[in-house]
Protein backbone atom coordinates (compact mmCIF):
# COMPACT_ATOMS: atom_id res chain seq x y z
CA MET A 1 156.47 -146.82 63.22
CA ARG A 2 153.62 -147.86 65.24
CA LYS A 3 151.19 -146.10 62.93
CA THR A 4 152.67 -147.55 59.89
CA SER A 5 152.47 -150.97 61.34
CA PHE A 6 148.95 -150.55 62.33
CA LEU A 7 148.05 -149.39 58.92
CA ALA A 8 149.69 -152.37 57.25
CA THR A 9 147.77 -154.74 59.57
CA LEU A 10 144.50 -153.19 58.70
CA LEU A 11 145.22 -153.37 54.93
CA PHE A 12 146.23 -156.98 55.34
CA LEU A 13 143.05 -157.85 57.16
CA PHE A 14 141.01 -155.90 54.53
CA LEU A 15 142.77 -157.89 51.68
CA CYS A 16 142.22 -161.27 53.46
CA THR A 17 138.46 -160.57 53.92
CA ALA A 18 138.04 -159.43 50.32
CA LEU A 19 139.90 -162.46 49.12
CA SER A 20 137.57 -164.80 51.16
CA MET A 21 134.44 -162.98 49.97
CA ALA A 22 135.59 -163.40 46.41
CA GLN A 23 136.19 -167.04 46.69
CA SER A 24 133.01 -168.03 48.62
CA VAL A 25 129.34 -167.66 47.84
CA ARG A 26 126.11 -168.71 49.56
CA SER A 27 123.94 -171.24 48.16
CA GLY A 28 120.46 -170.93 46.93
CA SER A 29 117.27 -173.21 47.04
CA LEU A 30 114.21 -174.18 45.07
CA GLN A 31 110.82 -175.08 46.72
CA VAL A 32 108.10 -176.61 44.97
CA SER A 33 104.56 -176.48 46.65
CA CYS A 34 101.51 -178.53 45.48
CA GLY A 35 98.42 -180.07 47.09
CA GLU A 36 99.54 -183.02 49.34
CA LYS A 37 97.11 -185.32 47.75
CA GLU A 38 98.76 -184.73 44.39
CA MET A 39 101.18 -187.20 42.80
CA ILE A 40 103.77 -184.53 41.91
CA GLN A 41 107.18 -185.43 40.40
CA VAL A 42 109.74 -182.89 40.47
CA GLU A 43 113.06 -183.32 38.21
CA VAL A 44 115.90 -180.61 38.47
CA ASP A 45 118.96 -180.85 35.99
CA GLY A 46 121.96 -178.96 36.75
CA PRO A 47 124.80 -178.43 39.30
CA MET A 48 123.09 -180.28 42.27
CA TYR A 49 124.17 -180.14 45.91
CA PHE A 50 121.40 -181.93 48.10
CA ARG A 51 117.73 -182.23 48.35
CA GLU A 52 115.11 -182.81 51.09
CA SER A 53 111.28 -183.27 51.38
CA VAL A 54 109.43 -181.42 54.11
CA SER A 55 105.58 -181.72 54.92
CA GLY A 56 104.48 -182.17 51.44
CA ASP A 57 106.88 -179.37 49.96
CA ILE A 58 109.71 -180.36 47.83
CA ILE A 59 112.86 -178.53 48.61
CA PHE A 60 116.33 -178.56 46.94
CA SER A 61 118.56 -177.04 49.40
CA GLY A 62 122.00 -175.89 49.24
CA LEU A 63 122.12 -175.46 45.30
CA LEU A 64 125.06 -174.01 43.67
CA PRO A 65 124.16 -170.82 41.93
CA GLY A 66 123.62 -171.16 38.30
CA ASN A 67 121.24 -172.35 35.49
CA TYR A 68 118.84 -175.36 36.08
CA ARG A 69 116.11 -177.21 34.02
CA LEU A 70 112.98 -177.75 36.22
CA LYS A 71 110.30 -180.16 35.18
CA ILE A 72 107.23 -180.47 37.34
CA SER A 73 104.93 -183.38 36.24
CA LEU A 74 101.44 -184.61 37.60
CA ASN A 75 100.53 -188.30 37.67
CA SER A 76 96.85 -188.33 36.70
CA GLY A 77 96.62 -192.04 37.21
CA ARG A 78 96.28 -194.97 34.75
CA GLY A 79 100.12 -194.09 33.50
CA ARG A 80 99.06 -190.73 32.42
CA VAL A 81 101.49 -187.96 33.17
CA ASN A 82 100.73 -184.31 32.64
CA VAL A 83 103.66 -181.92 32.54
CA LEU A 84 102.94 -178.66 34.29
CA VAL A 85 106.24 -176.89 34.03
CA ASP A 86 109.07 -177.48 31.75
CA GLU A 87 111.48 -174.59 31.71
CA LYS A 88 115.07 -173.18 32.44
CA ILE A 89 115.29 -171.50 35.92
CA ARG A 90 118.19 -169.57 37.65
CA ILE A 91 119.18 -170.12 41.26
CA THR A 92 121.00 -167.05 42.82
CA SER A 93 123.04 -166.71 45.81
CA GLY A 94 121.27 -166.56 49.16
CA GLU A 95 117.65 -166.67 47.53
CA ARG A 96 115.00 -169.55 47.26
CA LEU A 97 112.99 -169.76 44.25
CA SER A 98 109.56 -170.90 44.96
CA PHE A 99 106.84 -172.34 42.79
CA TYR A 100 103.40 -172.37 44.16
CA ARG A 101 100.37 -174.34 42.61
CA GLN A 102 97.31 -172.09 42.54
CA ARG A 103 93.76 -173.19 42.39
CA ASN A 104 93.55 -172.80 38.58
CA GLY A 105 96.42 -175.24 38.34
CA ARG A 106 98.99 -172.67 37.20
CA PHE A 107 102.21 -172.01 39.20
CA SER A 108 103.05 -168.63 40.68
CA VAL A 109 106.96 -168.03 41.08
CA ARG A 110 108.42 -165.60 43.53
CA ASN A 111 111.89 -164.99 44.99
CA GLU A 112 112.47 -165.05 48.92
CA ILE A 113 115.38 -164.77 51.19
CA ASP A 114 116.93 -168.25 51.88
CA ARG A 115 117.28 -168.34 55.48
CA ASN A 116 118.88 -171.67 55.54
CA SER A 117 121.52 -170.86 52.90
CA ILE A 118 124.90 -172.23 53.61
CA LEU A 119 128.52 -170.85 52.86
CA LEU A 120 129.78 -173.04 50.07
CA CYS A 121 133.51 -173.90 50.00
CA PRO A 122 135.57 -171.71 47.65
CA GLU A 123 136.60 -174.63 45.31
CA TYR A 124 132.77 -174.84 44.09
CA ASN A 125 133.96 -172.40 41.61
CA PRO A 126 135.63 -174.07 38.73
CA GLY A 127 136.39 -170.86 36.77
CA PRO A 128 135.49 -169.78 33.43
CA GLY A 129 134.63 -172.40 30.91
CA ARG A 130 134.55 -175.19 33.14
CA THR A 131 131.59 -177.34 34.46
CA PRO A 132 130.94 -177.19 38.29
CA VAL A 133 131.43 -180.69 39.85
CA PRO A 134 128.33 -181.94 41.87
CA ARG A 135 129.03 -181.90 45.61
CA ARG A 136 127.63 -183.95 48.39
CA GLY A 137 125.60 -182.53 51.16
CA PRO A 138 126.06 -183.13 54.90
CA GLU A 139 126.03 -186.50 56.08
CA LEU A 140 125.03 -187.89 59.69
CA ILE A 141 127.69 -187.03 62.12
CA ASN A 142 129.66 -190.07 63.36
CA ASP A 143 129.94 -191.19 66.97
CA ARG A 144 133.63 -189.74 67.32
CA ASP A 145 132.92 -186.41 66.16
CA PHE A 146 129.44 -186.16 68.06
CA ASN A 147 131.34 -187.22 71.34
CA ASN A 148 133.88 -184.55 70.89
CA LEU A 149 131.33 -182.01 70.43
CA ILE A 150 129.45 -183.06 73.60
CA LEU A 151 132.78 -183.01 75.56
CA GLY A 152 133.82 -179.52 74.19
CA MET A 153 130.33 -178.12 75.21
CA LYS A 154 130.32 -179.68 78.77
CA LYS A 155 133.68 -178.04 79.15
CA ALA A 156 132.23 -174.60 78.38
CA SER A 157 131.71 -172.63 81.38
CA PHE A 158 128.33 -170.65 80.31
CA ASP A 159 125.47 -171.21 77.87
CA ASP A 160 126.72 -168.43 75.65
CA ASN A 161 129.99 -170.19 75.29
CA LYS A 162 128.24 -173.59 74.48
CA LEU A 163 126.17 -171.72 71.79
CA ASP A 164 129.33 -170.08 70.20
CA LEU A 165 130.76 -173.54 70.08
CA LEU A 166 127.69 -175.22 68.52
CA LYS A 167 127.32 -172.41 66.01
CA ALA A 168 131.05 -173.06 64.86
CA SER A 169 130.43 -176.74 64.40
CA LEU A 170 127.33 -176.58 62.21
CA GLY A 171 127.39 -177.05 58.56
CA TYR A 172 129.24 -180.12 58.30
CA ASN A 173 127.03 -182.66 59.52
CA LEU A 174 123.32 -183.81 60.18
CA PHE A 175 122.05 -184.91 63.62
CA HIS A 176 119.56 -187.49 64.86
CA THR A 177 116.81 -186.14 66.98
CA GLY A 178 118.10 -188.02 70.10
CA GLN A 179 121.63 -186.50 69.45
CA MET A 180 119.82 -183.03 69.28
CA MET A 181 118.13 -183.78 72.60
CA GLN A 182 121.48 -184.60 74.18
CA ILE A 183 122.95 -181.21 73.01
CA MET A 184 119.77 -179.35 74.25
CA LYS A 185 119.89 -180.77 77.87
CA LEU A 186 123.51 -179.24 78.02
CA PHE A 187 121.93 -175.92 78.42
CA SER A 188 120.69 -174.67 81.86
CA PHE A 189 117.95 -172.29 80.70
CA ASP A 190 114.88 -172.78 78.40
CA ASP A 191 115.65 -169.77 76.28
CA ASN A 192 119.19 -171.06 75.54
CA ARG A 193 117.74 -174.53 74.70
CA LEU A 194 115.31 -172.86 72.40
CA GLU A 195 118.05 -170.83 70.49
CA CYS A 196 119.83 -174.31 70.44
CA ALA A 197 116.79 -175.97 68.66
CA ARG A 198 116.46 -173.29 66.14
CA LEU A 199 120.20 -173.66 65.28
CA LEU A 200 119.84 -177.54 65.04
CA VAL A 201 116.58 -178.02 63.28
CA PRO A 202 117.88 -177.13 59.70
CA TRP A 203 120.55 -180.01 60.00
CA ALA A 204 118.07 -182.73 61.17
CA TYR A 205 118.69 -186.20 59.84
CA ASP A 206 115.26 -187.23 60.67
CA PRO A 207 112.91 -184.09 60.61
CA VAL A 208 109.78 -186.18 60.81
CA ASN A 209 110.86 -186.53 64.84
CA LEU A 210 111.69 -183.01 65.36
CA TYR A 211 108.33 -182.75 67.20
CA GLN A 212 110.17 -184.82 70.09
CA LEU A 213 112.62 -182.11 70.84
CA GLY A 214 109.53 -180.28 72.78
CA ASP A 215 110.13 -182.57 75.66
CA ALA A 216 113.50 -180.78 76.40
CA PHE A 217 111.73 -177.76 77.59
CA SER A 218 110.81 -177.08 81.20
CA PHE A 219 107.91 -174.61 80.54
CA ILE A 220 105.01 -174.88 78.45
CA SER A 221 105.43 -171.31 76.93
CA THR A 222 108.77 -172.29 75.61
CA LYS A 223 107.51 -175.39 74.23
CA ASP A 224 104.68 -173.46 72.39
CA LYS A 225 107.38 -171.08 71.00
CA TYR A 226 109.31 -174.09 69.61
CA TYR A 227 106.43 -175.68 67.90
CA GLN A 228 105.27 -172.48 66.45
CA PHE A 229 109.01 -172.20 65.06
CA LEU A 230 108.59 -175.67 63.58
CA LYS A 231 105.29 -174.57 62.02
CA THR A 232 106.70 -171.68 60.27
CA ASN A 233 110.09 -173.13 59.43
CA ARG A 234 109.14 -176.36 57.88
């Protein structure tokens, strides 16, 4: 009897997992990299999710997998606009489609792993023959939810428990750099503060101020590791 019950439980868990995987999908993204002095305009037409600009690169994050039309134009001055790219592209789950401007003016394209992809909610899939509904991206966390998060992390006994709580809360809201600093100071050790920063950086409301988080570290070596992380994860 116990063996039968155990097998039934395993089958139930397997079916639940399979159903969850069938209903959910990871987002994709698009990155366009050009010279910082060039007046580049990027237009994307399709089932959008949200977008951002980071250090000269134009990044469309959290895109619903599917077909898009991409148009990249160069403003040459005096009202002259030169269309560099005008074509249909396909965004796939968990991948980043990257366009890089070469010295000859042409674009090279490659697919990369999207390390900041998010798990899109199941209802994004409208079913065959229907058009996906554009969804809004995360917004700045409100004071009540932020205070509840801080209170919950303060109640956690160890840094590992605080990290687990933080991981469970991410993906729904953006954070000001000042709020990120408050969260990082809840951790006792620099290594854990660094891990906390790595988790929070993709959800920055004001990414231009992320360098300020370096002041949360006690050791210069950890601060250097954080700045290197920022440099390679713009």
